[in-house]
PDBML (XML) file of the C-alpha atoms, coordinates in Angstrom:
<?xml version="1.0" encoding="UTF-8" ?>
<PDBx:datablock datablockName="MODEL"
   xmlns:PDBx="http://pdbml.pdb.org/schema/pdbx-v50.xsd"
   xmlns:xsi="http://www.w3.org/2001/XMLSchema-instance"
   xsi:schemaLocation="http://pdbml.pdb.org/schema/pdbx-v50.xsd pdbx-v50.xsd">
   <PDBx:atom_siteCategory>
      <PDBx:atom_site id="1">
         <PDBx:B_iso_or_equiv>0.00</PDBx:B_iso_or_equiv>
         <PDBx:Cartn_x>-14.196</PDBx:Cartn_x>
         <PDBx:Cartn_y>9.893</PDBx:Cartn_y>
         <PDBx:Cartn_z>-4.436</PDBx:Cartn_z>
         <PDBx:auth_asym_id>A</PDBx:auth_asym_id>
         <PDBx:auth_atom_id>CA</PDBx:auth_atom_id>
         <PDBx:auth_comp_id>ASP</PDBx:auth_comp_id>
         <PDBx:auth_seq_id>1</PDBx:auth_seq_id>
         <PDBx:group_PDB>ATOM</PDBx:group_PDB>
         <PDBx:label_alt_id xsi:nil="true" />
         <PDBx:label_asym_id>A</PDBx:label_asym_id>
         <PDBx:label_atom_id>CA</PDBx:label_atom_id>
         <PDBx:label_comp_id>ASP</PDBx:label_comp_id>
         <PDBx:label_entity_id>1</PDBx:label_entity_id>
         <PDBx:label_seq_id>1</PDBx:label_seq_id>
         <PDBx:occupancy>1.00</PDBx:occupancy>
         <PDBx:pdbx_PDB_model_num>1</PDBx:pdbx_PDB_model_num>
         <PDBx:type_symbol>C</PDBx:type_symbol>
      </PDBx:atom_site>
      <PDBx:atom_site id="2">
         <PDBx:B_iso_or_equiv>0.00</PDBx:B_iso_or_equiv>
         <PDBx:Cartn_x>-13.012</PDBx:Cartn_x>
         <PDBx:Cartn_y>7.701</PDBx:Cartn_y>
         <PDBx:Cartn_z>-7.313</PDBx:Cartn_z>
         <PDBx:auth_asym_id>A</PDBx:auth_asym_id>
         <PDBx:auth_atom_id>CA</PDBx:auth_atom_id>
         <PDBx:auth_comp_id>LYS</PDBx:auth_comp_id>
         <PDBx:auth_seq_id>2</PDBx:auth_seq_id>
         <PDBx:group_PDB>ATOM</PDBx:group_PDB>
         <PDBx:label_alt_id xsi:nil="true" />
         <PDBx:label_asym_id>A</PDBx:label_asym_id>
         <PDBx:label_atom_id>CA</PDBx:label_atom_id>
         <PDBx:label_comp_id>LYS</PDBx:label_comp_id>
         <PDBx:label_entity_id>1</PDBx:label_entity_id>
         <PDBx:label_seq_id>2</PDBx:label_seq_id>
         <PDBx:occupancy>1.00</PDBx:occupancy>
         <PDBx:pdbx_PDB_model_num>1</PDBx:pdbx_PDB_model_num>
         <PDBx:type_symbol>C</PDBx:type_symbol>
      </PDBx:atom_site>
      <PDBx:atom_site id="3">
         <PDBx:B_iso_or_equiv>0.00</PDBx:B_iso_or_equiv>
         <PDBx:Cartn_x>-10.868</PDBx:Cartn_x>
         <PDBx:Cartn_y>4.543</PDBx:Cartn_y>
         <PDBx:Cartn_z>-7.411</PDBx:Cartn_z>
         <PDBx:auth_asym_id>A</PDBx:auth_asym_id>
         <PDBx:auth_atom_id>CA</PDBx:auth_atom_id>
         <PDBx:auth_comp_id>PRO</PDBx:auth_comp_id>
         <PDBx:auth_seq_id>3</PDBx:auth_seq_id>
         <PDBx:group_PDB>ATOM</PDBx:group_PDB>
         <PDBx:label_alt_id xsi:nil="true" />
         <PDBx:label_asym_id>A</PDBx:label_asym_id>
         <PDBx:label_atom_id>CA</PDBx:label_atom_id>
         <PDBx:label_comp_id>PRO</PDBx:label_comp_id>
         <PDBx:label_entity_id>1</PDBx:label_entity_id>
         <PDBx:label_seq_id>3</PDBx:label_seq_id>
         <PDBx:occupancy>1.00</PDBx:occupancy>
         <PDBx:pdbx_PDB_model_num>1</PDBx:pdbx_PDB_model_num>
         <PDBx:type_symbol>C</PDBx:type_symbol>
      </PDBx:atom_site>
      <PDBx:atom_site id="4">
         <PDBx:B_iso_or_equiv>0.00</PDBx:B_iso_or_equiv>
         <PDBx:Cartn_x>-7.083</PDBx:Cartn_x>
         <PDBx:Cartn_y>5.243</PDBx:Cartn_y>
         <PDBx:Cartn_z>-7.346</PDBx:Cartn_z>
         <PDBx:auth_asym_id>A</PDBx:auth_asym_id>
         <PDBx:auth_atom_id>CA</PDBx:auth_atom_id>
         <PDBx:auth_comp_id>PHE</PDBx:auth_comp_id>
         <PDBx:auth_seq_id>4</PDBx:auth_seq_id>
         <PDBx:group_PDB>ATOM</PDBx:group_PDB>
         <PDBx:label_alt_id xsi:nil="true" />
         <PDBx:label_asym_id>A</PDBx:label_asym_id>
         <PDBx:label_atom_id>CA</PDBx:label_atom_id>
         <PDBx:label_comp_id>PHE</PDBx:label_comp_id>
         <PDBx:label_entity_id>1</PDBx:label_entity_id>
         <PDBx:label_seq_id>4</PDBx:label_seq_id>
         <PDBx:occupancy>1.00</PDBx:occupancy>
         <PDBx:pdbx_PDB_model_num>1</PDBx:pdbx_PDB_model_num>
         <PDBx:type_symbol>C</PDBx:type_symbol>
      </PDBx:atom_site>
      <PDBx:atom_site id="5">
         <PDBx:B_iso_or_equiv>0.00</PDBx:B_iso_or_equiv>
         <PDBx:Cartn_x>-6.656</PDBx:Cartn_x>
         <PDBx:Cartn_y>3.383</PDBx:Cartn_y>
         <PDBx:Cartn_z>-10.604</PDBx:Cartn_z>
         <PDBx:auth_asym_id>A</PDBx:auth_asym_id>
         <PDBx:auth_atom_id>CA</PDBx:auth_atom_id>
         <PDBx:auth_comp_id>GLY</PDBx:auth_comp_id>
         <PDBx:auth_seq_id>5</PDBx:auth_seq_id>
         <PDBx:group_PDB>ATOM</PDBx:group_PDB>
         <PDBx:label_alt_id xsi:nil="true" />
         <PDBx:label_asym_id>A</PDBx:label_asym_id>
         <PDBx:label_atom_id>CA</PDBx:label_atom_id>
         <PDBx:label_comp_id>GLY</PDBx:label_comp_id>
         <PDBx:label_entity_id>1</PDBx:label_entity_id>
         <PDBx:label_seq_id>5</PDBx:label_seq_id>
         <PDBx:occupancy>1.00</PDBx:occupancy>
         <PDBx:pdbx_PDB_model_num>1</PDBx:pdbx_PDB_model_num>
         <PDBx:type_symbol>C</PDBx:type_symbol>
      </PDBx:atom_site>
      <PDBx:atom_site id="6">
         <PDBx:B_iso_or_equiv>0.00</PDBx:B_iso_or_equiv>
         <PDBx:Cartn_x>-3.236</PDBx:Cartn_x>
         <PDBx:Cartn_y>4.039</PDBx:Cartn_y>
         <PDBx:Cartn_z>-12.149</PDBx:Cartn_z>
         <PDBx:auth_asym_id>A</PDBx:auth_asym_id>
         <PDBx:auth_atom_id>CA</PDBx:auth_atom_id>
         <PDBx:auth_comp_id>ALA</PDBx:auth_comp_id>
         <PDBx:auth_seq_id>6</PDBx:auth_seq_id>
         <PDBx:group_PDB>ATOM</PDBx:group_PDB>
         <PDBx:label_alt_id xsi:nil="true" />
         <PDBx:label_asym_id>A</PDBx:label_asym_id>
         <PDBx:label_atom_id>CA</PDBx:label_atom_id>
         <PDBx:label_comp_id>ALA</PDBx:label_comp_id>
         <PDBx:label_entity_id>1</PDBx:label_entity_id>
         <PDBx:label_seq_id>6</PDBx:label_seq_id>
         <PDBx:occupancy>1.00</PDBx:occupancy>
         <PDBx:pdbx_PDB_model_num>1</PDBx:pdbx_PDB_model_num>
         <PDBx:type_symbol>C</PDBx:type_symbol>
      </PDBx:atom_site>
      <PDBx:atom_site id="7">
         <PDBx:B_iso_or_equiv>0.00</PDBx:B_iso_or_equiv>
         <PDBx:Cartn_x>-2.666</PDBx:Cartn_x>
         <PDBx:Cartn_y>6.884</PDBx:Cartn_y>
         <PDBx:Cartn_z>-9.689</PDBx:Cartn_z>
         <PDBx:auth_asym_id>A</PDBx:auth_asym_id>
         <PDBx:auth_atom_id>CA</PDBx:auth_atom_id>
         <PDBx:auth_comp_id>SER</PDBx:auth_comp_id>
         <PDBx:auth_seq_id>7</PDBx:auth_seq_id>
         <PDBx:group_PDB>ATOM</PDBx:group_PDB>
         <PDBx:label_alt_id xsi:nil="true" />
         <PDBx:label_asym_id>A</PDBx:label_asym_id>
         <PDBx:label_atom_id>CA</PDBx:label_atom_id>
         <PDBx:label_comp_id>SER</PDBx:label_comp_id>
         <PDBx:label_entity_id>1</PDBx:label_entity_id>
         <PDBx:label_seq_id>7</PDBx:label_seq_id>
         <PDBx:occupancy>1.00</PDBx:occupancy>
         <PDBx:pdbx_PDB_model_num>1</PDBx:pdbx_PDB_model_num>
         <PDBx:type_symbol>C</PDBx:type_symbol>
      </PDBx:atom_site>
      <PDBx:atom_site id="8">
         <PDBx:B_iso_or_equiv>0.00</PDBx:B_iso_or_equiv>
         <PDBx:Cartn_x>-2.266</PDBx:Cartn_x>
         <PDBx:Cartn_y>4.443</PDBx:Cartn_y>
         <PDBx:Cartn_z>-6.840</PDBx:Cartn_z>
         <PDBx:auth_asym_id>A</PDBx:auth_asym_id>
         <PDBx:auth_atom_id>CA</PDBx:auth_atom_id>
         <PDBx:auth_comp_id>PHE</PDBx:auth_comp_id>
         <PDBx:auth_seq_id>8</PDBx:auth_seq_id>
         <PDBx:group_PDB>ATOM</PDBx:group_PDB>
         <PDBx:label_alt_id xsi:nil="true" />
         <PDBx:label_asym_id>A</PDBx:label_asym_id>
         <PDBx:label_atom_id>CA</PDBx:label_atom_id>
         <PDBx:label_comp_id>PHE</PDBx:label_comp_id>
         <PDBx:label_entity_id>1</PDBx:label_entity_id>
         <PDBx:label_seq_id>8</PDBx:label_seq_id>
         <PDBx:occupancy>1.00</PDBx:occupancy>
         <PDBx:pdbx_PDB_model_num>1</PDBx:pdbx_PDB_model_num>
         <PDBx:type_symbol>C</PDBx:type_symbol>
      </PDBx:atom_site>
      <PDBx:atom_site id="9">
         <PDBx:B_iso_or_equiv>0.00</PDBx:B_iso_or_equiv>
         <PDBx:Cartn_x>1.357</PDBx:Cartn_x>
         <PDBx:Cartn_y>5.133</PDBx:Cartn_y>
         <PDBx:Cartn_z>-5.422</PDBx:Cartn_z>
         <PDBx:auth_asym_id>A</PDBx:auth_asym_id>
         <PDBx:auth_atom_id>CA</PDBx:auth_atom_id>
         <PDBx:auth_comp_id>PRO</PDBx:auth_comp_id>
         <PDBx:auth_seq_id>9</PDBx:auth_seq_id>
         <PDBx:group_PDB>ATOM</PDBx:group_PDB>
         <PDBx:label_alt_id xsi:nil="true" />
         <PDBx:label_asym_id>A</PDBx:label_asym_id>
         <PDBx:label_atom_id>CA</PDBx:label_atom_id>
         <PDBx:label_comp_id>PRO</PDBx:label_comp_id>
         <PDBx:label_entity_id>1</PDBx:label_entity_id>
         <PDBx:label_seq_id>9</PDBx:label_seq_id>
         <PDBx:occupancy>1.00</PDBx:occupancy>
         <PDBx:pdbx_PDB_model_num>1</PDBx:pdbx_PDB_model_num>
         <PDBx:type_symbol>C</PDBx:type_symbol>
      </PDBx:atom_site>
      <PDBx:atom_site id="10">
         <PDBx:B_iso_or_equiv>0.00</PDBx:B_iso_or_equiv>
         <PDBx:Cartn_x>4.173</PDBx:Cartn_x>
         <PDBx:Cartn_y>2.695</PDBx:Cartn_y>
         <PDBx:Cartn_z>-6.320</PDBx:Cartn_z>
         <PDBx:auth_asym_id>A</PDBx:auth_asym_id>
         <PDBx:auth_atom_id>CA</PDBx:auth_atom_id>
         <PDBx:auth_comp_id>ALA</PDBx:auth_comp_id>
         <PDBx:auth_seq_id>10</PDBx:auth_seq_id>
         <PDBx:group_PDB>ATOM</PDBx:group_PDB>
         <PDBx:label_alt_id xsi:nil="true" />
         <PDBx:label_asym_id>A</PDBx:label_asym_id>
         <PDBx:label_atom_id>CA</PDBx:label_atom_id>
         <PDBx:label_comp_id>ALA</PDBx:label_comp_id>
         <PDBx:label_entity_id>1</PDBx:label_entity_id>
         <PDBx:label_seq_id>10</PDBx:label_seq_id>
         <PDBx:occupancy>1.00</PDBx:occupancy>
         <PDBx:pdbx_PDB_model_num>1</PDBx:pdbx_PDB_model_num>
         <PDBx:type_symbol>C</PDBx:type_symbol>
      </PDBx:atom_site>
      <PDBx:atom_site id="11">
         <PDBx:B_iso_or_equiv>0.00</PDBx:B_iso_or_equiv>
         <PDBx:Cartn_x>4.737</PDBx:Cartn_x>
         <PDBx:Cartn_y>0.237</PDBx:Cartn_y>
         <PDBx:Cartn_z>-3.441</PDBx:Cartn_z>
         <PDBx:auth_asym_id>A</PDBx:auth_asym_id>
         <PDBx:auth_atom_id>CA</PDBx:auth_atom_id>
         <PDBx:auth_comp_id>ILE</PDBx:auth_comp_id>
         <PDBx:auth_seq_id>11</PDBx:auth_seq_id>
         <PDBx:group_PDB>ATOM</PDBx:group_PDB>
         <PDBx:label_alt_id xsi:nil="true" />
         <PDBx:label_asym_id>A</PDBx:label_asym_id>
         <PDBx:label_atom_id>CA</PDBx:label_atom_id>
         <PDBx:label_comp_id>ILE</PDBx:label_comp_id>
         <PDBx:label_entity_id>1</PDBx:label_entity_id>
         <PDBx:label_seq_id>11</PDBx:label_seq_id>
         <PDBx:occupancy>1.00</PDBx:occupancy>
         <PDBx:pdbx_PDB_model_num>1</PDBx:pdbx_PDB_model_num>
         <PDBx:type_symbol>C</PDBx:type_symbol>
      </PDBx:atom_site>
      <PDBx:atom_site id="12">
         <PDBx:B_iso_or_equiv>0.00</PDBx:B_iso_or_equiv>
         <PDBx:Cartn_x>7.299</PDBx:Cartn_x>
         <PDBx:Cartn_y>-2.280</PDBx:Cartn_y>
         <PDBx:Cartn_z>-2.559</PDBx:Cartn_z>
         <PDBx:auth_asym_id>A</PDBx:auth_asym_id>
         <PDBx:auth_atom_id>CA</PDBx:auth_atom_id>
         <PDBx:auth_comp_id>THR</PDBx:auth_comp_id>
         <PDBx:auth_seq_id>12</PDBx:auth_seq_id>
         <PDBx:group_PDB>ATOM</PDBx:group_PDB>
         <PDBx:label_alt_id xsi:nil="true" />
         <PDBx:label_asym_id>A</PDBx:label_asym_id>
         <PDBx:label_atom_id>CA</PDBx:label_atom_id>
         <PDBx:label_comp_id>THR</PDBx:label_comp_id>
         <PDBx:label_entity_id>1</PDBx:label_entity_id>
         <PDBx:label_seq_id>12</PDBx:label_seq_id>
         <PDBx:occupancy>1.00</PDBx:occupancy>
         <PDBx:pdbx_PDB_model_num>1</PDBx:pdbx_PDB_model_num>
         <PDBx:type_symbol>C</PDBx:type_symbol>
      </PDBx:atom_site>
      <PDBx:atom_site id="13">
         <PDBx:B_iso_or_equiv>0.00</PDBx:B_iso_or_equiv>
         <PDBx:Cartn_x>7.545</PDBx:Cartn_x>
         <PDBx:Cartn_y>-5.605</PDBx:Cartn_y>
         <PDBx:Cartn_z>-0.622</PDBx:Cartn_z>
         <PDBx:auth_asym_id>A</PDBx:auth_asym_id>
         <PDBx:auth_atom_id>CA</PDBx:auth_atom_id>
         <PDBx:auth_comp_id>ILE</PDBx:auth_comp_id>
         <PDBx:auth_seq_id>13</PDBx:auth_seq_id>
         <PDBx:group_PDB>ATOM</PDBx:group_PDB>
         <PDBx:label_alt_id xsi:nil="true" />
         <PDBx:label_asym_id>A</PDBx:label_asym_id>
         <PDBx:label_atom_id>CA</PDBx:label_atom_id>
         <PDBx:label_comp_id>ILE</PDBx:label_comp_id>
         <PDBx:label_entity_id>1</PDBx:label_entity_id>
         <PDBx:label_seq_id>13</PDBx:label_seq_id>
         <PDBx:occupancy>1.00</PDBx:occupancy>
         <PDBx:pdbx_PDB_model_num>1</PDBx:pdbx_PDB_model_num>
         <PDBx:type_symbol>C</PDBx:type_symbol>
      </PDBx:atom_site>
      <PDBx:atom_site id="14">
         <PDBx:B_iso_or_equiv>0.00</PDBx:B_iso_or_equiv>
         <PDBx:Cartn_x>8.730</PDBx:Cartn_x>
         <PDBx:Cartn_y>-3.709</PDBx:Cartn_y>
         <PDBx:Cartn_z>2.288</PDBx:Cartn_z>
         <PDBx:auth_asym_id>A</PDBx:auth_asym_id>
         <PDBx:auth_atom_id>CA</PDBx:auth_atom_id>
         <PDBx:auth_comp_id>ARG</PDBx:auth_comp_id>
         <PDBx:auth_seq_id>14</PDBx:auth_seq_id>
         <PDBx:group_PDB>ATOM</PDBx:group_PDB>
         <PDBx:label_alt_id xsi:nil="true" />
         <PDBx:label_asym_id>A</PDBx:label_asym_id>
         <PDBx:label_atom_id>CA</PDBx:label_atom_id>
         <PDBx:label_comp_id>ARG</PDBx:label_comp_id>
         <PDBx:label_entity_id>1</PDBx:label_entity_id>
         <PDBx:label_seq_id>14</PDBx:label_seq_id>
         <PDBx:occupancy>1.00</PDBx:occupancy>
         <PDBx:pdbx_PDB_model_num>1</PDBx:pdbx_PDB_model_num>
         <PDBx:type_symbol>C</PDBx:type_symbol>
      </PDBx:atom_site>
      <PDBx:atom_site id="15">
         <PDBx:B_iso_or_equiv>0.00</PDBx:B_iso_or_equiv>
         <PDBx:Cartn_x>5.684</PDBx:Cartn_x>
         <PDBx:Cartn_y>-1.422</PDBx:Cartn_y>
         <PDBx:Cartn_z>2.380</PDBx:Cartn_z>
         <PDBx:auth_asym_id>A</PDBx:auth_asym_id>
         <PDBx:auth_atom_id>CA</PDBx:auth_atom_id>
         <PDBx:auth_comp_id>ASP</PDBx:auth_comp_id>
         <PDBx:auth_seq_id>15</PDBx:auth_seq_id>
         <PDBx:group_PDB>ATOM</PDBx:group_PDB>
         <PDBx:label_alt_id xsi:nil="true" />
         <PDBx:label_asym_id>A</PDBx:label_asym_id>
         <PDBx:label_atom_id>CA</PDBx:label_atom_id>
         <PDBx:label_comp_id>ASP</PDBx:label_comp_id>
         <PDBx:label_entity_id>1</PDBx:label_entity_id>
         <PDBx:label_seq_id>15</PDBx:label_seq_id>
         <PDBx:occupancy>1.00</PDBx:occupancy>
         <PDBx:pdbx_PDB_model_num>1</PDBx:pdbx_PDB_model_num>
         <PDBx:type_symbol>C</PDBx:type_symbol>
      </PDBx:atom_site>
      <PDBx:atom_site id="16">
         <PDBx:B_iso_or_equiv>0.00</PDBx:B_iso_or_equiv>
         <PDBx:Cartn_x>3.524</PDBx:Cartn_x>
         <PDBx:Cartn_y>-4.644</PDBx:Cartn_y>
         <PDBx:Cartn_z>2.458</PDBx:Cartn_z>
         <PDBx:auth_asym_id>A</PDBx:auth_asym_id>
         <PDBx:auth_atom_id>CA</PDBx:auth_atom_id>
         <PDBx:auth_comp_id>MET</PDBx:auth_comp_id>
         <PDBx:auth_seq_id>16</PDBx:auth_seq_id>
         <PDBx:group_PDB>ATOM</PDBx:group_PDB>
         <PDBx:label_alt_id xsi:nil="true" />
         <PDBx:label_asym_id>A</PDBx:label_asym_id>
         <PDBx:label_atom_id>CA</PDBx:label_atom_id>
         <PDBx:label_comp_id>MET</PDBx:label_comp_id>
         <PDBx:label_entity_id>1</PDBx:label_entity_id>
         <PDBx:label_seq_id>16</PDBx:label_seq_id>
         <PDBx:occupancy>1.00</PDBx:occupancy>
         <PDBx:pdbx_PDB_model_num>1</PDBx:pdbx_PDB_model_num>
         <PDBx:type_symbol>C</PDBx:type_symbol>
      </PDBx:atom_site>
      <PDBx:atom_site id="17">
         <PDBx:B_iso_or_equiv>0.00</PDBx:B_iso_or_equiv>
         <PDBx:Cartn_x>5.513</PDBx:Cartn_x>
         <PDBx:Cartn_y>-5.837</PDBx:Cartn_y>
         <PDBx:Cartn_z>5.458</PDBx:Cartn_z>
         <PDBx:auth_asym_id>A</PDBx:auth_asym_id>
         <PDBx:auth_atom_id>CA</PDBx:auth_atom_id>
         <PDBx:auth_comp_id>VAL</PDBx:auth_comp_id>
         <PDBx:auth_seq_id>17</PDBx:auth_seq_id>
         <PDBx:group_PDB>ATOM</PDBx:group_PDB>
         <PDBx:label_alt_id xsi:nil="true" />
         <PDBx:label_asym_id>A</PDBx:label_asym_id>
         <PDBx:label_atom_id>CA</PDBx:label_atom_id>
         <PDBx:label_comp_id>VAL</PDBx:label_comp_id>
         <PDBx:label_entity_id>1</PDBx:label_entity_id>
         <PDBx:label_seq_id>17</PDBx:label_seq_id>
         <PDBx:occupancy>1.00</PDBx:occupancy>
         <PDBx:pdbx_PDB_model_num>1</PDBx:pdbx_PDB_model_num>
         <PDBx:type_symbol>C</PDBx:type_symbol>
      </PDBx:atom_site>
      <PDBx:atom_site id="18">
         <PDBx:B_iso_or_equiv>0.00</PDBx:B_iso_or_equiv>
         <PDBx:Cartn_x>5.223</PDBx:Cartn_x>
         <PDBx:Cartn_y>-2.496</PDBx:Cartn_y>
         <PDBx:Cartn_z>7.248</PDBx:Cartn_z>
         <PDBx:auth_asym_id>A</PDBx:auth_asym_id>
         <PDBx:auth_atom_id>CA</PDBx:auth_atom_id>
         <PDBx:auth_comp_id>ARG</PDBx:auth_comp_id>
         <PDBx:auth_seq_id>18</PDBx:auth_seq_id>
         <PDBx:group_PDB>ATOM</PDBx:group_PDB>
         <PDBx:label_alt_id xsi:nil="true" />
         <PDBx:label_asym_id>A</PDBx:label_asym_id>
         <PDBx:label_atom_id>CA</PDBx:label_atom_id>
         <PDBx:label_comp_id>ARG</PDBx:label_comp_id>
         <PDBx:label_entity_id>1</PDBx:label_entity_id>
         <PDBx:label_seq_id>18</PDBx:label_seq_id>
         <PDBx:occupancy>1.00</PDBx:occupancy>
         <PDBx:pdbx_PDB_model_num>1</PDBx:pdbx_PDB_model_num>
         <PDBx:type_symbol>C</PDBx:type_symbol>
      </PDBx:atom_site>
      <PDBx:atom_site id="19">
         <PDBx:B_iso_or_equiv>0.00</PDBx:B_iso_or_equiv>
         <PDBx:Cartn_x>1.514</PDBx:Cartn_x>
         <PDBx:Cartn_y>-2.589</PDBx:Cartn_y>
         <PDBx:Cartn_z>6.840</PDBx:Cartn_z>
         <PDBx:auth_asym_id>A</PDBx:auth_asym_id>
         <PDBx:auth_atom_id>CA</PDBx:auth_atom_id>
         <PDBx:auth_comp_id>SER</PDBx:auth_comp_id>
         <PDBx:auth_seq_id>19</PDBx:auth_seq_id>
         <PDBx:group_PDB>ATOM</PDBx:group_PDB>
         <PDBx:label_alt_id xsi:nil="true" />
         <PDBx:label_asym_id>A</PDBx:label_asym_id>
         <PDBx:label_atom_id>CA</PDBx:label_atom_id>
         <PDBx:label_comp_id>SER</PDBx:label_comp_id>
         <PDBx:label_entity_id>1</PDBx:label_entity_id>
         <PDBx:label_seq_id>19</PDBx:label_seq_id>
         <PDBx:occupancy>1.00</PDBx:occupancy>
         <PDBx:pdbx_PDB_model_num>1</PDBx:pdbx_PDB_model_num>
         <PDBx:type_symbol>C</PDBx:type_symbol>
      </PDBx:atom_site>
      <PDBx:atom_site id="20">
         <PDBx:B_iso_or_equiv>0.00</PDBx:B_iso_or_equiv>
         <PDBx:Cartn_x>1.470</PDBx:Cartn_x>
         <PDBx:Cartn_y>-6.257</PDBx:Cartn_y>
         <PDBx:Cartn_z>8.265</PDBx:Cartn_z>
         <PDBx:auth_asym_id>A</PDBx:auth_asym_id>
         <PDBx:auth_atom_id>CA</PDBx:auth_atom_id>
         <PDBx:auth_comp_id>GLN</PDBx:auth_comp_id>
         <PDBx:auth_seq_id>20</PDBx:auth_seq_id>
         <PDBx:group_PDB>ATOM</PDBx:group_PDB>
         <PDBx:label_alt_id xsi:nil="true" />
         <PDBx:label_asym_id>A</PDBx:label_asym_id>
         <PDBx:label_atom_id>CA</PDBx:label_atom_id>
         <PDBx:label_comp_id>GLN</PDBx:label_comp_id>
         <PDBx:label_entity_id>1</PDBx:label_entity_id>
         <PDBx:label_seq_id>20</PDBx:label_seq_id>
         <PDBx:occupancy>1.00</PDBx:occupancy>
         <PDBx:pdbx_PDB_model_num>1</PDBx:pdbx_PDB_model_num>
         <PDBx:type_symbol>C</PDBx:type_symbol>
      </PDBx:atom_site>
      <PDBx:atom_site id="21">
         <PDBx:B_iso_or_equiv>0.00</PDBx:B_iso_or_equiv>
         <PDBx:Cartn_x>3.580</PDBx:Cartn_x>
         <PDBx:Cartn_y>-4.912</PDBx:Cartn_y>
         <PDBx:Cartn_z>11.184</PDBx:Cartn_z>
         <PDBx:auth_asym_id>A</PDBx:auth_asym_id>
         <PDBx:auth_atom_id>CA</PDBx:auth_atom_id>
         <PDBx:auth_comp_id>TYR</PDBx:auth_comp_id>
         <PDBx:auth_seq_id>21</PDBx:auth_seq_id>
         <PDBx:group_PDB>ATOM</PDBx:group_PDB>
         <PDBx:label_alt_id xsi:nil="true" />
         <PDBx:label_asym_id>A</PDBx:label_asym_id>
         <PDBx:label_atom_id>CA</PDBx:label_atom_id>
         <PDBx:label_comp_id>TYR</PDBx:label_comp_id>
         <PDBx:label_entity_id>1</PDBx:label_entity_id>
         <PDBx:label_seq_id>21</PDBx:label_seq_id>
         <PDBx:occupancy>1.00</PDBx:occupancy>
         <PDBx:pdbx_PDB_model_num>1</PDBx:pdbx_PDB_model_num>
         <PDBx:type_symbol>C</PDBx:type_symbol>
      </PDBx:atom_site>
      <PDBx:atom_site id="22">
         <PDBx:B_iso_or_equiv>0.00</PDBx:B_iso_or_equiv>
         <PDBx:Cartn_x>0.835</PDBx:Cartn_x>
         <PDBx:Cartn_y>-2.295</PDBx:Cartn_y>
         <PDBx:Cartn_z>11.906</PDBx:Cartn_z>
         <PDBx:auth_asym_id>A</PDBx:auth_asym_id>
         <PDBx:auth_atom_id>CA</PDBx:auth_atom_id>
         <PDBx:auth_comp_id>GLU</PDBx:auth_comp_id>
         <PDBx:auth_seq_id>22</PDBx:auth_seq_id>
         <PDBx:group_PDB>ATOM</PDBx:group_PDB>
         <PDBx:label_alt_id xsi:nil="true" />
         <PDBx:label_asym_id>A</PDBx:label_asym_id>
         <PDBx:label_atom_id>CA</PDBx:label_atom_id>
         <PDBx:label_comp_id>GLU</PDBx:label_comp_id>
         <PDBx:label_entity_id>1</PDBx:label_entity_id>
         <PDBx:label_seq_id>22</PDBx:label_seq_id>
         <PDBx:occupancy>1.00</PDBx:occupancy>
         <PDBx:pdbx_PDB_model_num>1</PDBx:pdbx_PDB_model_num>
         <PDBx:type_symbol>C</PDBx:type_symbol>
      </PDBx:atom_site>
      <PDBx:atom_site id="23">
         <PDBx:B_iso_or_equiv>0.00</PDBx:B_iso_or_equiv>
         <PDBx:Cartn_x>-1.748</PDBx:Cartn_x>
         <PDBx:Cartn_y>-5.064</PDBx:Cartn_y>
         <PDBx:Cartn_z>11.841</PDBx:Cartn_z>
         <PDBx:auth_asym_id>A</PDBx:auth_asym_id>
         <PDBx:auth_atom_id>CA</PDBx:auth_atom_id>
         <PDBx:auth_comp_id>LEU</PDBx:auth_comp_id>
         <PDBx:auth_seq_id>23</PDBx:auth_seq_id>
         <PDBx:group_PDB>ATOM</PDBx:group_PDB>
         <PDBx:label_alt_id xsi:nil="true" />
         <PDBx:label_asym_id>A</PDBx:label_asym_id>
         <PDBx:label_atom_id>CA</PDBx:label_atom_id>
         <PDBx:label_comp_id>LEU</PDBx:label_comp_id>
         <PDBx:label_entity_id>1</PDBx:label_entity_id>
         <PDBx:label_seq_id>23</PDBx:label_seq_id>
         <PDBx:occupancy>1.00</PDBx:occupancy>
         <PDBx:pdbx_PDB_model_num>1</PDBx:pdbx_PDB_model_num>
         <PDBx:type_symbol>C</PDBx:type_symbol>
      </PDBx:atom_site>
      <PDBx:atom_site id="24">
         <PDBx:B_iso_or_equiv>0.00</PDBx:B_iso_or_equiv>
         <PDBx:Cartn_x>0.547</PDBx:Cartn_x>
         <PDBx:Cartn_y>-7.083</PDBx:Cartn_y>
         <PDBx:Cartn_z>14.284</PDBx:Cartn_z>
         <PDBx:auth_asym_id>A</PDBx:auth_asym_id>
         <PDBx:auth_atom_id>CA</PDBx:auth_atom_id>
         <PDBx:auth_comp_id>MET</PDBx:auth_comp_id>
         <PDBx:auth_seq_id>24</PDBx:auth_seq_id>
         <PDBx:group_PDB>ATOM</PDBx:group_PDB>
         <PDBx:label_alt_id xsi:nil="true" />
         <PDBx:label_asym_id>A</PDBx:label_asym_id>
         <PDBx:label_atom_id>CA</PDBx:label_atom_id>
         <PDBx:label_comp_id>MET</PDBx:label_comp_id>
         <PDBx:label_entity_id>1</PDBx:label_entity_id>
         <PDBx:label_seq_id>24</PDBx:label_seq_id>
         <PDBx:occupancy>1.00</PDBx:occupancy>
         <PDBx:pdbx_PDB_model_num>1</PDBx:pdbx_PDB_model_num>
         <PDBx:type_symbol>C</PDBx:type_symbol>
      </PDBx:atom_site>
   </PDBx:atom_siteCategory>
</PDBx:datablock>
């Protein structure tokens, strides 16, 4: 119930595209 902050998982460009694919 707090912001992820520095604990937010490491992401890549490919993760960004996968999330866009889900939106598509």
